[in-house]
Amino acid sequence: MLQSDTKLDILNECIAHTGGVPMSDPENSNNITERWALNRFDIAVEQALELRPWAGAIAEASIPLVTGGMFSDLNHYQCPSDLVRVNYVKNLTETDWNQAGQRVVTGVKPAALIIAYNSTKTMSTWGAHLRALMGLMLAIKVSYAVSTSATKKRELEQLYMRNVLIASGAEGSSHSGYVWGAVN
């Protein structure tokens, strides 16, 4: 279940699965396991997501807030294209972001919807983004499970495993972030 909203929670969740002792300070550590986790935080996020059941994403995702209501009904979500991808983007300015740490980019590609996540917002905002992105990916997963073959579902699983990377609210700068968008 998606219970964690802080970097420390995410790191401790991953460390716990290795049998390690939870850390108390995510920025200062002499422990080799903790330092490894700190230096690979994006990987730790991916591991945490993979270890959590999809039910948590359904329960806690905030899809209306992220999409402006466009796909607010999870049960009737329609994937805007065949696949979804997550890309790392650079050269964004602070004015590109709204107070929620989101940016909707239009006109990039025909029929494409891209939402960017600011990597400099607060921990609580980052946690909300984590849940929201999980929910969106889940909605797409569910839509394929209903209507396509096992092969297509496996392809989507592989895409998710490769590409879901989320920026930490405590790291990075105002010139970087993560976006997801429809692949046309």
C-alpha atoms as a PDB file:
ATOM      1  CA  MET A   1       0.000   0.000   0.000  1.00  0.00           C
ATOM      2  CA  LEU A   2       1.221   3.499  -0.753  1.00  0.00           C
ATOM      3  CA  GLN A   3       1.767   4.694   2.775  1.00  0.00           C
ATOM      4  CA  SER A   4       5.009   6.651   2.510  1.00  0.00           C
ATOM      5  CA  ASP A   5       5.325  10.310   1.626  1.00  0.00           C
ATOM      6  CA  THR A   6       8.949  11.022   2.517  1.00  0.00           C
ATOM      7  CA  LYS A   7      12.328  10.100   1.140  1.00  0.00           C
ATOM      8  CA  LEU A   8      13.222   8.464   4.461  1.00  0.00           C
ATOM      9  CA  ASP A   9      10.120   6.251   4.325  1.00  0.00           C
ATOM     10  CA  ILE A  10      10.926   5.104   0.789  1.00  0.00           C
ATOM     11  CA  LEU A  11      14.537   4.320   1.655  1.00  0.00           C
ATOM     12  CA  ASN A  12      13.573   2.448   4.827  1.00  0.00           C
ATOM     13  CA  GLU A  13      10.986   0.449   2.910  1.00  0.00           C
ATOM     14  CA  CYS A  14      13.667  -0.767   0.499  1.00  0.00           C
ATOM     15  CA  ILE A  15      16.244  -1.357   3.243  1.00  0.00           C
ATOM     16  CA  ALA A  16      13.691  -3.413   5.193  1.00  0.00           C
ATOM     17  CA  HIS A  17      13.331  -5.807   2.256  1.00  0.00           C
ATOM     18  CA  THR A  18      17.089  -6.422   2.356  1.00  0.00           C
ATOM     19  CA  GLY A  19      16.901  -7.249   6.075  1.00  0.00           C
ATOM     20  CA  GLY A  20      18.639  -4.010   7.051  1.00  0.00           C
ATOM     21  CA  VAL A  21      17.917  -1.790  10.032  1.00  0.00           C
ATOM     22  CA  PRO A  22      15.866   1.352   9.217  1.00  0.00           C
ATOM     23  CA  MET A  23      17.849   4.582   9.086  1.00  0.00           C
ATOM     24  CA  SER A  24      16.915   7.675  11.085  1.00  0.00           C
ATOM     25  CA  ASP A  25      18.686  10.387   9.081  1.00  0.00           C
ATOM     26  CA  PRO A  26      18.477  10.122   5.277  1.00  0.00           C
ATOM     27  CA  GLU A  27      21.200  12.707   4.692  1.00  0.00           C
ATOM     28  CA  ASN A  28      23.967  11.613   7.087  1.00  0.00           C
ATOM     29  CA  SER A  29      24.999   7.993   7.391  1.00  0.00           C
ATOM     30  CA  ASN A  30      28.124   5.920   7.922  1.00  0.00           C
ATOM     31  CA  ASN A  31      26.334   2.645   7.190  1.00  0.00           C
ATOM     32  CA  ILE A  32      27.267   1.085   3.845  1.00  0.00           C
ATOM     33  CA  THR A  33      23.704  -0.111   3.102  1.00  0.00           C
ATOM     34  CA  GLU A  34      22.265   3.310   3.843  1.00  0.00           C
ATOM     35  CA  ARG A  35      24.851   5.065   1.696  1.00  0.00           C
ATOM     36  CA  TRP A  36      24.096   2.661  -1.158  1.00  0.00           C
ATOM     37  CA  ALA A  37      20.390   3.467  -0.892  1.00  0.00           C
ATOM     38  CA  LEU A  38      21.023   7.206  -0.731  1.00  0.00           C
ATOM     39  CA  ASN A  39      23.197   7.114  -3.845  1.00  0.00           C
ATOM     40  CA  ARG A  40      20.575   5.142  -5.774  1.00  0.00           C
ATOM     41  CA  PHE A  41      17.399   6.831  -4.669  1.00  0.00           C
ATOM     42  CA  ASP A  42      15.654   6.573  -8.066  1.00  0.00           C
ATOM     43  CA  ILE A  43      16.304   2.826  -8.046  1.00  0.00           C
ATOM     44  CA  ALA A  44      14.986   2.654  -4.486  1.00  0.00           C
ATOM     45  CA  VAL A  45      11.766   4.331  -5.618  1.00  0.00           C
ATOM     46  CA  GLU A  46      11.306   1.797  -8.394  1.00  0.00           C
ATOM     47  CA  GLN A  47      11.926  -1.067  -5.986  1.00  0.00           C
ATOM     48  CA  ALA A  48       9.440   0.362  -3.504  1.00  0.00           C
ATOM     49  CA  LEU A  49       6.793   0.648  -6.209  1.00  0.00           C
ATOM     50  CA  GLU A  50       7.335  -2.911  -7.358  1.00  0.00           C
ATOM     51  CA  LEU A  51       7.016  -4.251  -3.814  1.00  0.00           C
ATOM     52  CA  ARG A  52       3.675  -2.537  -3.211  1.00  0.00           C
ATOM     53  CA  PRO A  53       0.331  -4.027  -4.266  1.00  0.00           C
ATOM     54  CA  TRP A  54      -1.599  -2.253  -7.014  1.00  0.00           C
ATOM     55  CA  ALA A  55      -4.582  -1.915  -4.660  1.00  0.00           C
ATOM     56  CA  GLY A  56      -2.736   0.832  -2.802  1.00  0.00           C
ATOM     57  CA  ALA A  57      -2.397   2.851  -5.971  1.00  0.00           C
ATOM     58  CA  ILE A  58      -6.122   2.572  -6.638  1.00  0.00           C
ATOM     59  CA  ALA A  59      -7.004   3.665  -3.129  1.00  0.00           C
ATOM     60  CA  GLU A  60      -4.659   6.625  -2.837  1.00  0.00           C
ATOM     61  CA  ALA A  61      -4.111   7.983  -6.353  1.00  0.00           C
ATOM     62  CA  SER A  62      -5.452  11.480  -6.963  1.00  0.00           C
ATOM     63  CA  ILE A  63      -6.220  11.328 -10.657  1.00  0.00           C
ATOM     64  CA  PRO A  64      -8.577  14.363 -10.871  1.00  0.00           C
ATOM     65  CA  LEU A  65      -5.919  16.629  -9.347  1.00  0.00           C
ATOM     66  CA  VAL A  66      -3.292  15.475 -11.788  1.00  0.00           C
ATOM     67  CA  THR A  67      -5.295  15.502 -15.007  1.00  0.00           C
ATOM     68  CA  GLY A  68      -7.586  18.424 -14.313  1.00  0.00           C
ATOM     69  CA  GLY A  69     -10.577  16.084 -14.383  1.00  0.00           C
ATOM     70  CA  MET A  70      -9.951  14.833 -17.902  1.00  0.00           C
ATOM     71  CA  PHE A  71      -9.680  11.230 -16.741  1.00  0.00           C
ATOM     72  CA  SER A  72     -11.251  11.561 -13.318  1.00  0.00           C
ATOM     73  CA  ASP A  73     -13.234   8.317 -13.419  1.00  0.00           C
ATOM     74  CA  LEU A  74     -10.764   5.477 -12.922  1.00  0.00           C
ATOM     75  CA  ASN A  75     -13.280   2.825 -13.945  1.00  0.00           C
ATOM     76  CA  HIS A  76     -13.832   4.486 -17.313  1.00  0.00           C
ATOM     77  CA  TYR A  77     -10.278   5.600 -17.995  1.00  0.00           C
ATOM     78  CA  GLN A  78      -9.315   5.308 -21.633  1.00  0.00           C
ATOM     79  CA  CYS A  79      -5.650   5.212 -22.566  1.00  0.00           C
ATOM     80  CA  PRO A  80      -5.067   8.109 -25.023  1.00  0.00           C
ATOM     81  CA  SER A  81      -2.697   5.991 -27.095  1.00  0.00           C
ATOM     82  CA  ASP A  82      -1.169   2.545 -27.359  1.00  0.00           C
ATOM     83  CA  LEU A  83       1.585   3.021 -24.790  1.00  0.00           C
ATOM     84  CA  VAL A  84       2.666   5.413 -22.082  1.00  0.00           C
ATOM     85  CA  ARG A  85       6.215   6.477 -21.405  1.00  0.00           C
ATOM     86  CA  VAL A  86       8.095   8.482 -18.790  1.00  0.00           C
ATOM     87  CA  ASN A  87      10.922  10.763 -19.884  1.00  0.00           C
ATOM     88  CA  TYR A  88      13.473  12.906 -18.095  1.00  0.00           C
ATOM     89  CA  VAL A  89      13.445  16.519 -19.287  1.00  0.00           C
ATOM     90  CA  LYS A  90      15.825  19.432 -18.812  1.00  0.00           C
ATOM     91  CA  ASN A  91      15.923  23.208 -19.255  1.00  0.00           C
ATOM     92  CA  LEU A  92      12.641  23.967 -17.566  1.00  0.00           C
ATOM     93  CA  THR A  93      12.271  27.185 -15.593  1.00  0.00           C
ATOM     94  CA  GLU A  94      10.556  27.749 -12.256  1.00  0.00           C
ATOM     95  CA  THR A  95       7.781  29.689 -13.997  1.00  0.00           C
ATOM     96  CA  ASP A  96       6.883  26.546 -15.945  1.00  0.00           C
ATOM     97  CA  TRP A  97       5.425  24.992 -12.807  1.00  0.00           C
ATOM     98  CA  ASN A  98       2.206  25.673 -10.959  1.00  0.00           C
ATOM     99  CA  GLN A  99       1.884  25.536  -7.178  1.00  0.00           C
ATOM    100  CA  ALA A 100       1.071  21.836  -7.247  1.00  0.00           C
ATOM    101  CA  GLY A 101       4.367  21.119  -8.974  1.00  0.00           C
ATOM    102  CA  GLN A 102       2.667  20.073 -12.187  1.00  0.00           C
ATOM    103  CA  ARG A 103       2.912  21.271 -15.729  1.00  0.00           C
ATOM    104  CA  VAL A 104       0.587  20.219 -18.536  1.00  0.00           C
ATOM    105  CA  VAL A 105       2.339  20.573 -21.880  1.00  0.00           C
ATOM    106  CA  THR A 106       0.155  20.771 -24.974  1.00  0.00           C
ATOM    107  CA  GLY A 107       1.038  20.851 -28.635  1.00  0.00           C
ATOM    108  CA  VAL A 108       4.127  18.696 -28.254  1.00  0.00           C
ATOM    109  CA  LYS A 109       2.661  15.924 -30.356  1.00  0.00           C
ATOM    110  CA  PRO A 110      -0.811  15.404 -31.778  1.00  0.00           C
ATOM    111  CA  ALA A 111      -3.223  14.076 -29.146  1.00  0.00           C
ATOM    112  CA  ALA A 112      -0.451  13.813 -26.568  1.00  0.00           C
ATOM    113  CA  LEU A 113      -0.936  14.677 -22.920  1.00  0.00           C
ATOM    114  CA  ILE A 114       2.219  15.261 -20.908  1.00  0.00           C
ATOM    115  CA  ILE A 115       2.366  16.049 -17.203  1.00  0.00           C
ATOM    116  CA  ALA A 116       5.667  17.120 -15.676  1.00  0.00           C
ATOM    117  CA  TYR A 117       6.632  16.798 -12.036  1.00  0.00           C
ATOM    118  CA  ASN A 118       8.819  19.447 -10.429  1.00  0.00           C
ATOM    119  CA  SER A 119      11.758  17.992  -8.540  1.00  0.00           C
ATOM    120  CA  THR A 120      12.013  20.920  -6.121  1.00  0.00           C
ATOM    121  CA  LYS A 121       8.616  20.854  -4.423  1.00  0.00           C
ATOM    122  CA  THR A 122       8.016  19.759  -0.847  1.00  0.00           C
ATOM    123  CA  MET A 123       8.041  16.161   0.352  1.00  0.00           C
ATOM    124  CA  SER A 124       4.268  16.097   0.789  1.00  0.00           C
ATOM    125  CA  THR A 125       3.781  17.258  -2.788  1.00  0.00           C
ATOM    126  CA  TRP A 126       6.253  14.657  -4.037  1.00  0.00           C
ATOM    127  CA  GLY A 127       4.351  11.948  -2.175  1.00  0.00           C
ATOM    128  CA  ALA A 128       1.116  13.040  -3.822  1.00  0.00           C
ATOM    129  CA  HIS A 129       2.787  12.901  -7.221  1.00  0.00           C
ATOM    130  CA  LEU A 130       4.083   9.423  -6.507  1.00  0.00           C
ATOM    131  CA  ARG A 131       0.564   8.212  -5.713  1.00  0.00           C
ATOM    132  CA  ALA A 132      -0.937  10.021  -8.674  1.00  0.00           C
ATOM    133  CA  LEU A 133       1.520   8.616 -11.185  1.00  0.00           C
ATOM    134  CA  MET A 134       1.016   5.141  -9.762  1.00  0.00           C
ATOM    135  CA  GLY A 135      -2.720   5.600 -10.182  1.00  0.00           C
ATOM    136  CA  LEU A 136      -2.388   6.730 -13.766  1.00  0.00           C
ATOM    137  CA  MET A 137      -0.146   3.821 -14.634  1.00  0.00           C
ATOM    138  CA  LEU A 138      -2.591   1.507 -12.905  1.00  0.00           C
ATOM    139  CA  ALA A 139      -5.503   2.906 -14.875  1.00  0.00           C
ATOM    140  CA  ILE A 140      -3.676   2.138 -18.096  1.00  0.00           C
ATOM    141  CA  LYS A 141      -2.755  -1.319 -16.827  1.00  0.00           C
ATOM    142  CA  VAL A 142      -6.405  -2.013 -16.016  1.00  0.00           C
ATOM    143  CA  SER A 143      -7.616  -0.758 -19.392  1.00  0.00           C
ATOM    144  CA  TYR A 144      -5.273  -3.177 -21.163  1.00  0.00           C
ATOM    145  CA  ALA A 145      -6.177  -6.066 -18.869  1.00  0.00           C
ATOM    146  CA  VAL A 146      -9.798  -5.754 -19.949  1.00  0.00           C
ATOM    147  CA  SER A 147      -9.338  -5.457 -23.679  1.00  0.00           C
ATOM    148  CA  THR A 148      -6.061  -6.884 -24.947  1.00  0.00           C
ATOM    149  CA  SER A 149      -4.003 -10.015 -25.211  1.00  0.00           C
ATOM    150  CA  ALA A 150      -1.575 -11.433 -22.662  1.00  0.00           C
ATOM    151  CA  THR A 151       1.275 -10.401 -24.958  1.00  0.00           C
ATOM    152  CA  LYS A 152       0.203  -6.757 -24.906  1.00  0.00           C
ATOM    153  CA  LYS A 153      -0.127  -6.864 -21.120  1.00  0.00           C
ATOM    154  CA  ARG A 154       3.406  -8.233 -20.823  1.00  0.00           C
ATOM    155  CA  GLU A 155       4.658  -5.447 -23.084  1.00  0.00           C
ATOM    156  CA  LEU A 156       3.010  -2.872 -20.837  1.00  0.00           C
ATOM    157  CA  GLU A 157       4.522  -4.473 -17.748  1.00  0.00           C
ATOM    158  CA  GLN A 158       7.977  -4.297 -19.313  1.00  0.00           C
ATOM    159  CA  LEU A 159       7.427  -0.673 -20.301  1.00  0.00           C
ATOM    160  CA  TYR A 160       6.414   0.202 -16.755  1.00  0.00           C
ATOM    161  CA  MET A 161       9.410  -1.606 -15.270  1.00  0.00           C
ATOM    162  CA  ARG A 162      11.801   0.274 -17.558  1.00  0.00           C
ATOM    163  CA  ASN A 163      10.384   3.746 -17.489  1.00  0.00           C
ATOM    164  CA  VAL A 164       8.641   4.712 -14.248  1.00  0.00           C
ATOM    165  CA  LEU A 165      11.123   7.073 -12.619  1.00  0.00           C
ATOM    166  CA  ILE A 166       9.964   9.768 -10.218  1.00  0.00           C
ATOM    167  CA  ALA A 167      11.912  12.813  -9.109  1.00  0.00           C
ATOM    168  CA  SER A 168      12.385  13.358  -5.390  1.00  0.00           C
ATOM    169  CA  GLY A 169      10.922  16.552  -3.984  1.00  0.00           C
ATOM    170  CA  ALA A 170      14.115  17.047  -1.996  1.00  0.00           C
ATOM    171  CA  GLU A 171      16.595  16.629  -4.831  1.00  0.00           C
ATOM    172  CA  GLY A 172      17.322  18.140  -8.215  1.00  0.00           C
ATOM    173  CA  SER A 173      16.807  21.716  -9.337  1.00  0.00           C
ATOM    174  CA  SER A 174      14.145  23.888 -10.908  1.00  0.00           C
ATOM    175  CA  HIS A 175      15.597  22.976 -14.294  1.00  0.00           C
ATOM    176  CA  SER A 176      14.724  19.296 -14.231  1.00  0.00           C
ATOM    177  CA  GLY A 177      11.779  17.014 -13.705  1.00  0.00           C
ATOM    178  CA  TYR A 178       9.982  13.939 -14.973  1.00  0.00           C
ATOM    179  CA  VAL A 179       7.140  13.819 -17.446  1.00  0.00           C
ATOM    180  CA  TRP A 180       4.813  11.133 -18.677  1.00  0.00           C
ATOM    181  CA  GLY A 181       2.994  11.297 -21.962  1.00  0.00           C
ATOM    182  CA  ALA A 182       1.148   9.310 -24.563  1.00  0.00           C
ATOM    183  CA  VAL A 183       3.215   7.693 -27.276  1.00  0.00           C
ATOM    184  CA  ASN A 184       1.588   8.333 -30.627  1.00  0.00           C
END
